[in-house]
Amino acid sequence: MDNKIADQFTNFAKNMMDSMKELQAINEKTLQDLTNQQFKTAQDFISSSSEQMEQMSKAKTVEQAVSEQARITSSMGKLVLDNAQATMQVLTNGQKELESLINKAVKENMEKAGS
């Protein structure tokens, strides 16, 4: 009887470690994806700022400057929205991977409990 309990504990510990490794992989991937998204966003904002400076320096009248500023504001709004959507997608993907890991672990535990 003691060997059975020891085997069950060993299997439980192994399964727990495997799940923790998978969780770590999910977290690392999500963090890497978020970091990449932030770098892309920073690059987009730097490019946009550079373009803004260039376009504003070309404005010869107040009307041109105001028109250009309106275009820039619209462009920046789109950048912010695109960034928010891309970031949400990264988080959603991480959540789906985590849900899959949990479902897998629950299924495996239910199968083992039934045997």
PDB file of N, CA and C in Angstrom:
ATOM      1  N   MET A   1       0.818  -1.200   0.000  1.00  0.00           N
ATOM      2  CA  MET A   1       0.000   0.000   0.000  1.00  0.00           C
ATOM      3  C   MET A   1       0.861   1.263   0.000  1.00  0.00           C
ATOM      4  N   ASP A   2       1.978   1.229   0.734  1.00  0.00           N
ATOM      5  CA  ASP A   2       2.847   2.394   0.811  1.00  0.00           C
ATOM      6  C   ASP A   2       3.463   2.716  -0.544  1.00  0.00           C
ATOM      7  N   ASN A   3       3.795   1.685  -1.329  1.00  0.00           N
ATOM      8  CA  ASN A   3       4.362   1.917  -2.657  1.00  0.00           C
ATOM      9  C   ASN A   3       3.361   2.605  -3.567  1.00  0.00           C
ATOM     10  N   LYS A   4       2.106   2.241  -3.446  1.00  0.00           N
ATOM     11  CA  LYS A   4       1.061   2.860  -4.275  1.00  0.00           C
ATOM     12  C   LYS A   4       0.939   4.355  -3.949  1.00  0.00           C
ATOM     13  N   ILE A   5       0.967   4.677  -2.679  1.00  0.00           N
ATOM     14  CA  ILE A   5       0.872   6.078  -2.264  1.00  0.00           C
ATOM     15  C   ILE A   5       2.114   6.846  -2.722  1.00  0.00           C
ATOM     16  N   ALA A   6       3.270   6.243  -2.593  1.00  0.00           N
ATOM     17  CA  ALA A   6       4.511   6.885  -3.023  1.00  0.00           C
ATOM     18  C   ALA A   6       4.494   7.111  -4.540  1.00  0.00           C
ATOM     19  N   ASP A   7       4.009   6.114  -5.291  1.00  0.00           N
ATOM     20  CA  ASP A   7       3.913   6.252  -6.747  1.00  0.00           C
ATOM     21  C   ASP A   7       2.938   7.362  -7.126  1.00  0.00           C
ATOM     22  N   GLN A   8       1.809   7.421  -6.427  1.00  0.00           N
ATOM     23  CA  GLN A   8       0.824   8.467  -6.714  1.00  0.00           C
ATOM     24  C   GLN A   8       1.415   9.851  -6.422  1.00  0.00           C
ATOM     25  N   PHE A   9       2.113   9.952  -5.309  1.00  0.00           N
ATOM     26  CA  PHE A   9       2.730  11.235  -4.963  1.00  0.00           C
ATOM     27  C   PHE A   9       3.793  11.612  -5.991  1.00  0.00           C
ATOM     28  N   THR A  10       4.592  10.652  -6.410  1.00  0.00           N
ATOM     29  CA  THR A  10       5.627  10.902  -7.419  1.00  0.00           C
ATOM     30  C   THR A  10       4.998  11.358  -8.730  1.00  0.00           C
ATOM     31  N   ASN A  11       3.932  10.676  -9.152  1.00  0.00           N
ATOM     32  CA  ASN A  11       3.230  11.061 -10.387  1.00  0.00           C
ATOM     33  C   ASN A  11       2.618  12.447 -10.267  1.00  0.00           C
ATOM     34  N   PHE A  12       2.041  12.717  -9.090  1.00  0.00           N
ATOM     35  CA  PHE A  12       1.450  14.030  -8.868  1.00  0.00           C
ATOM     36  C   PHE A  12       2.520  15.122  -8.963  1.00  0.00           C
ATOM     37  N   ALA A  13       3.656  14.898  -8.314  1.00  0.00           N
ATOM     38  CA  ALA A  13       4.750  15.880  -8.335  1.00  0.00           C
ATOM     39  C   ALA A  13       5.272  16.076  -9.759  1.00  0.00           C
ATOM     40  N   LYS A  14       5.413  14.994 -10.513  1.00  0.00           N
ATOM     41  CA  LYS A  14       5.884  15.085 -11.898  1.00  0.00           C
ATOM     42  C   LYS A  14       4.892  15.869 -12.751  1.00  0.00           C
ATOM     43  N   ASN A  15       3.615  15.543 -12.604  1.00  0.00           N
ATOM     44  CA  ASN A  15       2.592  16.266 -13.371  1.00  0.00           C
ATOM     45  C   ASN A  15       2.567  17.741 -13.008  1.00  0.00           C
ATOM     46  N   MET A  16       2.756  18.039 -11.723  1.00  0.00           N
ATOM     47  CA  MET A  16       2.769  19.427 -11.278  1.00  0.00           C
ATOM     48  C   MET A  16       3.961  20.161 -11.893  1.00  0.00           C
ATOM     49  N   MET A  17       5.121  19.532 -11.911  1.00  0.00           N
ATOM     50  CA  MET A  17       6.309  20.156 -12.500  1.00  0.00           C
ATOM     51  C   MET A  17       6.128  20.360 -14.005  1.00  0.00           C
ATOM     52  N   ASP A  18       5.550  19.378 -14.679  1.00  0.00           N
ATOM     53  CA  ASP A  18       5.296  19.517 -16.114  1.00  0.00           C
ATOM     54  C   ASP A  18       4.357  20.691 -16.382  1.00  0.00           C
ATOM     55  N   SER A  19       3.312  20.805 -15.564  1.00  0.00           N
ATOM     56  CA  SER A  19       2.363  21.916 -15.723  1.00  0.00           C
ATOM     57  C   SER A  19       3.043  23.251 -15.451  1.00  0.00           C
ATOM     58  N   MET A  20       3.897  23.302 -14.449  1.00  0.00           N
ATOM     59  CA  MET A  20       4.604  24.537 -14.132  1.00  0.00           C
ATOM     60  C   MET A  20       5.545  24.937 -15.276  1.00  0.00           C
ATOM     61  N   LYS A  21       6.181  23.949 -15.904  1.00  0.00           N
ATOM     62  CA  LYS A  21       7.051  24.242 -17.045  1.00  0.00           C
ATOM     63  C   LYS A  21       6.228  24.802 -18.208  1.00  0.00           C
ATOM     64  N   GLU A  22       5.065  24.213 -18.446  1.00  0.00           N
ATOM     65  CA  GLU A  22       4.200  24.713 -19.516  1.00  0.00           C
ATOM     66  C   GLU A  22       3.707  26.121 -19.191  1.00  0.00           C
ATOM     67  N   LEU A  23       3.352  26.357 -17.936  1.00  0.00           N
ATOM     68  CA  LEU A  23       2.909  27.691 -17.517  1.00  0.00           C
ATOM     69  C   LEU A  23       4.035  28.702 -17.710  1.00  0.00           C
ATOM     70  N   GLN A  24       5.242  28.325 -17.351  1.00  0.00           N
ATOM     71  CA  GLN A  24       6.382  29.216 -17.539  1.00  0.00           C
ATOM     72  C   GLN A  24       6.584  29.532 -19.016  1.00  0.00           C
ATOM     73  N   ALA A  25       6.446  28.531 -19.872  1.00  0.00           N
ATOM     74  CA  ALA A  25       6.602  28.753 -21.312  1.00  0.00           C
ATOM     75  C   ALA A  25       5.531  29.716 -21.833  1.00  0.00           C
ATOM     76  N   ILE A  26       4.304  29.541 -21.376  1.00  0.00           N
ATOM     77  CA  ILE A  26       3.211  30.437 -21.786  1.00  0.00           C
ATOM     78  C   ILE A  26       3.514  31.867 -21.332  1.00  0.00           C
ATOM     79  N   ASN A  27       3.920  32.012 -20.076  1.00  0.00           N
ATOM     80  CA  ASN A  27       4.222  33.345 -19.545  1.00  0.00           C
ATOM     81  C   ASN A  27       5.383  33.997 -20.295  1.00  0.00           C
ATOM     82  N   GLU A  28       6.426  33.221 -20.584  1.00  0.00           N
ATOM     83  CA  GLU A  28       7.571  33.773 -21.309  1.00  0.00           C
ATOM     84  C   GLU A  28       7.170  34.215 -22.715  1.00  0.00           C
ATOM     85  N   LYS A  29       6.371  33.392 -23.386  1.00  0.00           N
ATOM     86  CA  LYS A  29       5.919  33.740 -24.741  1.00  0.00           C
ATOM     87  C   LYS A  29       5.060  35.006 -24.712  1.00  0.00           C
ATOM     88  N   THR A  30       4.147  35.066 -23.766  1.00  0.00           N
ATOM     89  CA  THR A  30       3.275  36.240 -23.653  1.00  0.00           C
ATOM     90  C   THR A  30       4.096  37.493 -23.359  1.00  0.00           C
ATOM     91  N   LEU A  31       5.048  37.380 -22.454  1.00  0.00           N
ATOM     92  CA  LEU A  31       5.901  38.525 -22.128  1.00  0.00           C
ATOM     93  C   LEU A  31       6.716  38.952 -23.343  1.00  0.00           C
ATOM     94  N   GLN A  32       7.255  37.992 -24.077  1.00  0.00           N
ATOM     95  CA  GLN A  32       8.032  38.309 -25.280  1.00  0.00           C
ATOM     96  C   GLN A  32       7.146  39.001 -26.321  1.00  0.00           C
ATOM     97  N   ASP A  33       5.938  38.477 -26.513  1.00  0.00           N
ATOM     98  CA  ASP A  33       5.015  39.088 -27.472  1.00  0.00           C
ATOM     99  C   ASP A  33       4.632  40.502 -27.051  1.00  0.00           C
ATOM    100  N   LEU A  34       4.400  40.708 -25.760  1.00  0.00           N
ATOM    101  CA  LEU A  34       4.077  42.057 -25.271  1.00  0.00           C
ATOM    102  C   LEU A  34       5.261  43.007 -25.448  1.00  0.00           C
ATOM    103  N   THR A  35       6.455  42.509 -25.188  1.00  0.00           N
ATOM    104  CA  THR A  35       7.656  43.331 -25.371  1.00  0.00           C
ATOM    105  C   THR A  35       7.816  43.724 -26.839  1.00  0.00           C
ATOM    106  N   ASN A  36       7.640  42.748 -27.726  1.00  0.00           N
ATOM    107  CA  ASN A  36       7.727  43.043 -29.162  1.00  0.00           C
ATOM    108  C   ASN A  36       6.675  44.063 -29.577  1.00  0.00           C
ATOM    109  N   GLN A  37       5.475  43.936 -29.035  1.00  0.00           N
ATOM    110  CA  GLN A  37       4.408  44.881 -29.356  1.00  0.00           C
ATOM    111  C   GLN A  37       4.777  46.283 -28.880  1.00  0.00           C
ATOM    112  N   GLN A  38       5.361  46.383 -27.703  1.00  0.00           N
ATOM    113  CA  GLN A  38       5.753  47.687 -27.182  1.00  0.00           C
ATOM    114  C   GLN A  38       6.869  48.314 -28.016  1.00  0.00           C
ATOM    115  N   PHE A  39       7.826  47.498 -28.463  1.00  0.00           N
ATOM    116  CA  PHE A  39       8.877  48.018 -29.338  1.00  0.00           C
ATOM    117  C   PHE A  39       8.290  48.532 -30.644  1.00  0.00           C
ATOM    118  N   LYS A  40       7.344  47.776 -31.198  1.00  0.00           N
ATOM    119  CA  LYS A  40       6.692  48.195 -32.446  1.00  0.00           C
ATOM    120  C   LYS A  40       5.953  49.511 -32.228  1.00  0.00           C
ATOM    121  N   THR A  41       5.259  49.616 -31.116  1.00  0.00           N
ATOM    122  CA  THR A  41       4.519  50.842 -30.807  1.00  0.00           C
ATOM    123  C   THR A  41       5.472  52.022 -30.656  1.00  0.00           C
ATOM    124  N   ALA A  42       6.563  51.812 -29.960  1.00  0.00           N
ATOM    125  CA  ALA A  42       7.548  52.891 -29.794  1.00  0.00           C
ATOM    126  C   ALA A  42       8.096  53.329 -31.146  1.00  0.00           C
ATOM    127  N   GLN A  43       8.404  52.359 -32.012  1.00  0.00           N
ATOM    128  CA  GLN A  43       8.899  52.693 -33.351  1.00  0.00           C
ATOM    129  C   GLN A  43       7.856  53.474 -34.140  1.00  0.00           C
ATOM    130  N   ASP A  44       6.591  53.039 -34.037  1.00  0.00           N
ATOM    131  CA  ASP A  44       5.512  53.741 -34.748  1.00  0.00           C
ATOM    132  C   ASP A  44       5.386  55.185 -34.272  1.00  0.00           C
ATOM    133  N   PHE A  45       5.451  55.392 -32.963  1.00  0.00           N
ATOM    134  CA  PHE A  45       5.319  56.745 -32.427  1.00  0.00           C
ATOM    135  C   PHE A  45       6.525  57.608 -32.786  1.00  0.00           C
ATOM    136  N   ILE A  46       7.707  57.033 -32.790  1.00  0.00           N
ATOM    137  CA  ILE A  46       8.896  57.796 -33.184  1.00  0.00           C
ATOM    138  C   ILE A  46       8.797  58.197 -34.651  1.00  0.00           C
ATOM    139  N   SER A  47       8.403  57.255 -35.500  1.00  0.00           N
ATOM    140  CA  SER A  47       8.240  57.567 -36.929  1.00  0.00           C
ATOM    141  C   SER A  47       7.177  58.628 -37.133  1.00  0.00           C
ATOM    142  N   SER A  48       6.078  58.482 -36.418  1.00  0.00           N
ATOM    143  CA  SER A  48       4.989  59.449 -36.542  1.00  0.00           C
ATOM    144  C   SER A  48       5.431  60.834 -36.073  1.00  0.00           C
ATOM    145  N   SER A  49       6.152  60.891 -34.977  1.00  0.00           N
ATOM    146  CA  SER A  49       6.637  62.182 -34.470  1.00  0.00           C
ATOM    147  C   SER A  49       7.583  62.842 -35.463  1.00  0.00           C
ATOM    148  N   SER A  50       8.444  62.041 -36.046  1.00  0.00           N
ATOM    149  CA  SER A  50       9.378  62.566 -37.043  1.00  0.00           C
ATOM    150  C   SER A  50       8.616  63.123 -38.249  1.00  0.00           C
ATOM    151  N   GLU A  51       7.620  62.363 -38.687  1.00  0.00           N
ATOM    152  CA  GLU A  51       6.804  62.813 -39.821  1.00  0.00           C
ATOM    153  C   GLU A  51       6.054  64.097 -39.464  1.00  0.00           C
ATOM    154  N   GLN A  52       5.549  64.169 -38.238  1.00  0.00           N
ATOM    155  CA  GLN A  52       4.827  65.361 -37.797  1.00  0.00           C
ATOM    156  C   GLN A  52       5.715  66.598 -37.866  1.00  0.00           C
ATOM    157  N   MET A  53       6.929  66.461 -37.346  1.00  0.00           N
ATOM    158  CA  MET A  53       7.854  67.600 -37.352  1.00  0.00           C
ATOM    159  C   MET A  53       8.133  68.050 -38.778  1.00  0.00           C
ATOM    160  N   GLU A  54       8.346  67.072 -39.648  1.00  0.00           N
ATOM    161  CA  GLU A  54       8.649  67.390 -41.045  1.00  0.00           C
ATOM    162  C   GLU A  54       7.464  68.098 -41.709  1.00  0.00           C
ATOM    163  N   GLN A  55       6.276  67.545 -41.530  1.00  0.00           N
ATOM    164  CA  GLN A  55       5.093  68.116 -42.178  1.00  0.00           C
ATOM    165  C   GLN A  55       4.743  69.499 -41.614  1.00  0.00           C
ATOM    166  N   MET A  56       4.892  69.657 -40.312  1.00  0.00           N
ATOM    167  CA  MET A  56       4.585  70.963 -39.712  1.00  0.00           C
ATOM    168  C   MET A  56       5.587  72.025 -40.171  1.00  0.00           C
ATOM    169  N   SER A  57       6.815  71.617 -40.410  1.00  0.00           N
ATOM    170  CA  SER A  57       7.813  72.593 -40.867  1.00  0.00           C
ATOM    171  C   SER A  57       7.535  73.047 -42.296  1.00  0.00           C
ATOM    172  N   LYS A  58       6.776  72.270 -43.044  1.00  0.00           N
ATOM    173  CA  LYS A  58       6.443  72.614 -44.428  1.00  0.00           C
ATOM    174  C   LYS A  58       5.209  73.507 -44.535  1.00  0.00           C
ATOM    175  N   ALA A  59       4.436  73.603 -43.446  1.00  0.00           N
ATOM    176  CA  ALA A  59       3.217  74.416 -43.472  1.00  0.00           C
ATOM    177  C   ALA A  59       3.594  75.893 -43.631  1.00  0.00           C
ATOM    178  N   LYS A  60       2.931  76.530 -44.578  1.00  0.00           N
ATOM    179  CA  LYS A  60       3.238  77.936 -44.856  1.00  0.00           C
ATOM    180  C   LYS A  60       2.182  78.886 -44.304  1.00  0.00           C
ATOM    181  N   THR A  61       1.014  78.331 -44.004  1.00  0.00           N
ATOM    182  CA  THR A  61      -0.050  79.173 -43.455  1.00  0.00           C
ATOM    183  C   THR A  61      -0.614  78.510 -42.203  1.00  0.00           C
ATOM    184  N   VAL A  62      -1.355  79.304 -41.444  1.00  0.00           N
ATOM    185  CA  VAL A  62      -1.996  78.781 -40.240  1.00  0.00           C
ATOM    186  C   VAL A  62      -2.993  77.687 -40.625  1.00  0.00           C
ATOM    187  N   GLU A  63      -3.710  77.901 -41.727  1.00  0.00           N
ATOM    188  CA  GLU A  63      -4.698  76.917 -42.170  1.00  0.00           C
ATOM    189  C   GLU A  63      -4.021  75.578 -42.498  1.00  0.00           C
ATOM    190  N   GLN A  64      -2.876  75.632 -43.170  1.00  0.00           N
ATOM    191  CA  GLN A  64      -2.147  74.398 -43.478  1.00  0.00           C
ATOM    192  C   GLN A  64      -1.676  73.718 -42.190  1.00  0.00           C
ATOM    193  N   ALA A  65      -1.207  74.506 -41.257  1.00  0.00           N
ATOM    194  CA  ALA A  65      -0.729  73.947 -39.985  1.00  0.00           C
ATOM    195  C   ALA A  65      -1.877  73.288 -39.223  1.00  0.00           C
ATOM    196  N   VAL A  66      -3.033  73.960 -39.185  1.00  0.00           N
ATOM    197  CA  VAL A  66      -4.203  73.404 -38.497  1.00  0.00           C
ATOM    198  C   VAL A  66      -4.680  72.138 -39.195  1.00  0.00           C
ATOM    199  N   SER A  67      -4.712  72.168 -40.508  1.00  0.00           N
ATOM    200  CA  SER A  67      -5.122  70.990 -41.280  1.00  0.00           C
ATOM    201  C   SER A  67      -4.167  69.818 -41.034  1.00  0.00           C
ATOM    202  N   GLU A  68      -2.890  70.121 -41.052  1.00  0.00           N
ATOM    203  CA  GLU A  68      -1.890  69.078 -40.814  1.00  0.00           C
ATOM    204  C   GLU A  68      -2.002  68.540 -39.393  1.00  0.00           C
ATOM    205  N   GLN A  69      -2.242  69.422 -38.444  1.00  0.00           N
ATOM    206  CA  GLN A  69      -2.393  68.988 -37.053  1.00  0.00           C
ATOM    207  C   GLN A  69      -3.611  68.088 -36.899  1.00  0.00           C
ATOM    208  N   ALA A  70      -4.693  68.382 -37.601  1.00  0.00           N
ATOM    209  CA  ALA A  70      -5.886  67.522 -37.549  1.00  0.00           C
ATOM    210  C   ALA A  70      -5.577  66.146 -38.127  1.00  0.00           C
ATOM    211  N   ARG A  71      -4.832  66.120 -39.226  1.00  0.00           N
ATOM    212  CA  ARG A  71      -4.459  64.843 -39.840  1.00  0.00           C
ATOM    213  C   ARG A  71      -3.567  64.045 -38.893  1.00  0.00           C
ATOM    214  N   ILE A  72      -2.624  64.734 -38.263  1.00  0.00           N
ATOM    215  CA  ILE A  72      -1.699  64.090 -37.327  1.00  0.00           C
ATOM    216  C   ILE A  72      -2.467  63.522 -36.132  1.00  0.00           C
ATOM    217  N   THR A  73      -3.406  64.285 -35.613  1.00  0.00           N
ATOM    218  CA  THR A  73      -4.205  63.825 -34.473  1.00  0.00           C
ATOM    219  C   THR A  73      -4.985  62.568 -34.835  1.00  0.00           C
ATOM    220  N   SER A  74      -5.560  62.559 -36.026  1.00  0.00           N
ATOM    221  CA  SER A  74      -6.291  61.384 -36.495  1.00  0.00           C
ATOM    222  C   SER A  74      -5.362  60.187 -36.641  1.00  0.00           C
ATOM    223  N   SER A  75      -4.195  60.434 -37.194  1.00  0.00           N
ATOM    224  CA  SER A  75      -3.200  59.373 -37.373  1.00  0.00           C
ATOM    225  C   SER A  75      -2.750  58.808 -36.026  1.00  0.00           C
ATOM    226  N   MET A  76      -2.517  59.679 -35.058  1.00  0.00           N
ATOM    227  CA  MET A  76      -2.089  59.233 -33.735  1.00  0.00           C
ATOM    228  C   MET A  76      -3.200  58.444 -33.046  1.00  0.00           C
ATOM    229  N   GLY A  77      -4.425  58.861 -33.223  1.00  0.00           N
ATOM    230  CA  GLY A  77      -5.554  58.121 -32.658  1.00  0.00           C
ATOM    231  C   GLY A  77      -5.614  56.708 -33.207  1.00  0.00           C
ATOM    232  N   LYS A  78      -5.372  56.587 -34.519  1.00  0.00           N
ATOM    233  CA  LYS A  78      -5.361  55.264 -35.137  1.00  0.00           C
ATOM    234  C   LYS A  78      -4.214  54.419 -34.589  1.00  0.00           C
ATOM    235  N   LEU A  79      -3.039  55.019 -34.402  1.00  0.00           N
ATOM    236  CA  LEU A  79      -1.899  54.295 -33.832  1.00  0.00           C
ATOM    237  C   LEU A  79      -2.217  53.773 -32.430  1.00  0.00           C
ATOM    238  N   VAL A  80      -2.835  54.615 -31.618  1.00  0.00           N
ATOM    239  CA  VAL A  80      -3.189  54.216 -30.254  1.00  0.00           C
ATOM    240  C   VAL A  80      -4.194  53.068 -30.290  1.00  0.00           C
ATOM    241  N   LEU A  81      -5.198  53.170 -31.138  1.00  0.00           N
ATOM    242  CA  LEU A  81      -6.214  52.124 -31.251  1.00  0.00           C
ATOM    243  C   LEU A  81      -5.598  50.824 -31.763  1.00  0.00           C
ATOM    244  N   ASP A  82      -4.754  50.911 -32.779  1.00  0.00           N
ATOM    245  CA  ASP A  82      -4.088  49.717 -33.310  1.00  0.00           C
ATOM    246  C   ASP A  82      -3.229  49.052 -32.235  1.00  0.00           C
ATOM    247  N   ASN A  83      -2.517  49.866 -31.452  1.00  0.00           N
ATOM    248  CA  ASN A  83      -1.693  49.328 -30.376  1.00  0.00           C
ATOM    249  C   ASN A  83      -2.557  48.626 -29.333  1.00  0.00           C
ATOM    250  N   ALA A  84      -3.651  49.244 -28.965  1.00  0.00           N
ATOM    251  CA  ALA A  84      -4.537  48.642 -27.964  1.00  0.00           C
ATOM    252  C   ALA A  84      -5.093  47.305 -28.469  1.00  0.00           C
ATOM    253  N   GLN A  85      -5.485  47.265 -29.746  1.00  0.00           N
ATOM    254  CA  GLN A  85      -6.017  46.024 -30.304  1.00  0.00           C
ATOM    255  C   GLN A  85      -4.949  44.938 -30.374  1.00  0.00           C
ATOM    256  N   ALA A  86      -3.742  45.288 -30.789  1.00  0.00           N
ATOM    257  CA  ALA A  86      -2.662  44.305 -30.878  1.00  0.00           C
ATOM    258  C   ALA A  86      -2.281  43.790 -29.491  1.00  0.00           C
ATOM    259  N   THR A  87      -2.243  44.677 -28.519  1.00  0.00           N
ATOM    260  CA  THR A  87      -1.922  44.274 -27.149  1.00  0.00           C
ATOM    261  C   THR A  87      -3.008  43.362 -26.598  1.00  0.00           C
ATOM    262  N   MET A  88      -4.255  43.693 -26.861  1.00  0.00           N
ATOM    263  CA  MET A  88      -5.367  42.851 -26.410  1.00  0.00           C
ATOM    264  C   MET A  88      -5.292  41.470 -27.060  1.00  0.00           C
ATOM    265  N   GLN A  89      -4.887  41.415 -28.319  1.00  0.00           N
ATOM    266  CA  GLN A  89      -4.762  40.133 -29.006  1.00  0.00           C
ATOM    267  C   GLN A  89      -3.667  39.275 -28.364  1.00  0.00           C
ATOM    268  N   VAL A  90      -2.548  39.886 -28.001  1.00  0.00           N
ATOM    269  CA  VAL A  90      -1.467  39.157 -27.326  1.00  0.00           C
ATOM    270  C   VAL A  90      -1.979  38.584 -26.001  1.00  0.00           C
ATOM    271  N   LEU A  91      -2.684  39.397 -25.238  1.00  0.00           N
ATOM    272  CA  LEU A  91      -3.210  38.938 -23.952  1.00  0.00           C
ATOM    273  C   LEU A  91      -4.268  37.855 -24.130  1.00  0.00           C
ATOM    274  N   THR A  92      -5.103  37.999 -25.147  1.00  0.00           N
ATOM    275  CA  THR A  92      -6.125  36.990 -25.433  1.00  0.00           C
ATOM    276  C   THR A  92      -5.482  35.661 -25.814  1.00  0.00           C
ATOM    277  N   ASN A  93      -4.428  35.728 -26.625  1.00  0.00           N
ATOM    278  CA  ASN A  93      -3.723  34.495 -27.006  1.00  0.00           C
ATOM    279  C   ASN A  93      -3.122  33.815 -25.778  1.00  0.00           C
ATOM    280  N   GLY A  94      -2.525  34.588 -24.901  1.00  0.00           N
ATOM    281  CA  GLY A  94      -1.965  34.033 -23.670  1.00  0.00           C
ATOM    282  C   GLY A  94      -3.048  33.407 -22.800  1.00  0.00           C
ATOM    283  N   GLN A  95      -4.193  34.067 -22.724  1.00  0.00           N
ATOM    284  CA  GLN A  95      -5.313  33.544 -21.941  1.00  0.00           C
ATOM    285  C   GLN A  95      -5.804  32.217 -22.521  1.00  0.00           C
ATOM    286  N   LYS A  96      -5.898  32.135 -23.849  1.00  0.00           N
ATOM    287  CA  LYS A  96      -6.343  30.893 -24.484  1.00  0.00           C
ATOM    288  C   LYS A  96      -5.370  29.753 -24.213  1.00  0.00           C
ATOM    289  N   GLU A  97      -4.070  30.052 -24.268  1.00  0.00           N
ATOM    290  CA  GLU A  97      -3.064  29.028 -23.980  1.00  0.00           C
ATOM    291  C   GLU A  97      -3.166  28.567 -22.529  1.00  0.00           C
ATOM    292  N   LEU A  98      -3.393  29.502 -21.625  1.00  0.00           N
ATOM    293  CA  LEU A  98      -3.538  29.165 -20.216  1.00  0.00           C
ATOM    294  C   LEU A  98      -4.794  28.323 -19.982  1.00  0.00           C
ATOM    295  N   GLU A  99      -5.892  28.693 -20.605  1.00  0.00           N
ATOM    296  CA  GLU A  99      -7.126  27.912 -20.486  1.00  0.00           C
ATOM    297  C   GLU A  99      -6.919  26.493 -21.008  1.00  0.00           C
ATOM    298  N   SER A 100      -6.202  26.374 -22.107  1.00  0.00           N
ATOM    299  CA  SER A 100      -5.915  25.058 -22.670  1.00  0.00           C
ATOM    300  C   SER A 100      -5.087  24.222 -21.692  1.00  0.00           C
ATOM    301  N   LEU A 101      -4.092  24.837 -21.079  1.00  0.00           N
ATOM    302  CA  LEU A 101      -3.267  24.137 -20.091  1.00  0.00           C
ATOM    303  C   LEU A 101      -4.116  23.669 -18.909  1.00  0.00           C
ATOM    304  N   ILE A 102      -4.972  24.531 -18.409  1.00  0.00           N
ATOM    305  CA  ILE A 102      -5.837  24.179 -17.271  1.00  0.00           C
ATOM    306  C   ILE A 102      -6.787  23.047 -17.656  1.00  0.00           C
ATOM    307  N   ASN A 103      -7.405  23.159 -18.832  1.00  0.00           N
ATOM    308  CA  ASN A 103      -8.327  22.106 -19.282  1.00  0.00           C
ATOM    309  C   ASN A 103      -7.613  20.770 -19.424  1.00  0.00           C
ATOM    310  N   LYS A 104      -6.405  20.809 -19.945  1.00  0.00           N
ATOM    311  CA  LYS A 104      -5.615  19.589 -20.106  1.00  0.00           C
ATOM    312  C   LYS A 104      -5.312  18.970 -18.742  1.00  0.00           C
ATOM    313  N   ALA A 105      -4.893  19.795 -17.803  1.00  0.00           N
ATOM    314  CA  ALA A 105      -4.563  19.293 -16.464  1.00  0.00           C
ATOM    315  C   ALA A 105      -5.793  18.725 -15.771  1.00  0.00           C
ATOM    316  N   VAL A 106      -6.924  19.407 -15.895  1.00  0.00           N
ATOM    317  CA  VAL A 106      -8.161  18.918 -15.274  1.00  0.00           C
ATOM    318  C   VAL A 106      -8.567  17.584 -15.903  1.00  0.00           C
ATOM    319  N   LYS A 107      -8.496  17.500 -17.218  1.00  0.00           N
ATOM    320  CA  LYS A 107      -8.864  16.266 -17.920  1.00  0.00           C
ATOM    321  C   LYS A 107      -7.969  15.111 -17.470  1.00  0.00           C
ATOM    322  N   GLU A 108      -6.652  15.356 -17.427  1.00  0.00           N
ATOM    323  CA  GLU A 108      -5.720  14.312 -16.994  1.00  0.00           C
ATOM    324  C   GLU A 108      -5.996  13.875 -15.566  1.00  0.00           C
ATOM    325  N   ASN A 109      -6.276  14.836 -14.686  1.00  0.00           N
ATOM    326  CA  ASN A 109      -6.568  14.494 -13.287  1.00  0.00           C
ATOM    327  C   ASN A 109      -7.874  13.725 -13.150  1.00  0.00           C
ATOM    328  N   MET A 110      -8.857  14.068 -13.951  1.00  0.00           N
ATOM    329  CA  MET A 110     -10.136  13.344 -13.910  1.00  0.00           C
ATOM    330  C   MET A 110      -9.955  11.922 -14.402  1.00  0.00           C
ATOM    331  N   GLU A 111      -9.150  11.766 -15.458  1.00  0.00           N
ATOM    332  CA  GLU A 111      -8.904  10.427 -15.978  1.00  0.00           C
ATOM    333  C   GLU A 111      -8.159   9.564 -14.959  1.00  0.00           C
ATOM    334  N   LYS A 112      -7.198  10.165 -14.276  1.00  0.00           N
ATOM    335  CA  LYS A 112      -6.429   9.433 -13.269  1.00  0.00           C
ATOM    336  C   LYS A 112      -7.290   9.108 -12.062  1.00  0.00           C
ATOM    337  N   ALA A 113      -8.187   9.996 -11.709  1.00  0.00           N
ATOM    338  CA  ALA A 113      -9.067   9.757 -10.553  1.00  0.00           C
ATOM    339  C   ALA A 113     -10.035   8.611 -10.862  1.00  0.00           C
ATOM    340  N   GLY A 114     -10.389   8.479 -12.135  1.00  0.00           N
ATOM    341  CA  GLY A 114     -11.317   7.431 -12.546  1.00  0.00           C
ATOM    342  C   GLY A 114     -10.650   6.067 -12.642  1.00  0.00           C
ATOM    343  N   SER A 115      -9.297   6.046 -12.717  1.00  0.00           N
ATOM    344  CA  SER A 115      -8.646   4.744 -12.854  1.00  0.00           C
ATOM    345  C   SER A 115      -8.254   4.128 -11.546  1.00  0.00           C
TER     346      SER A 115
END
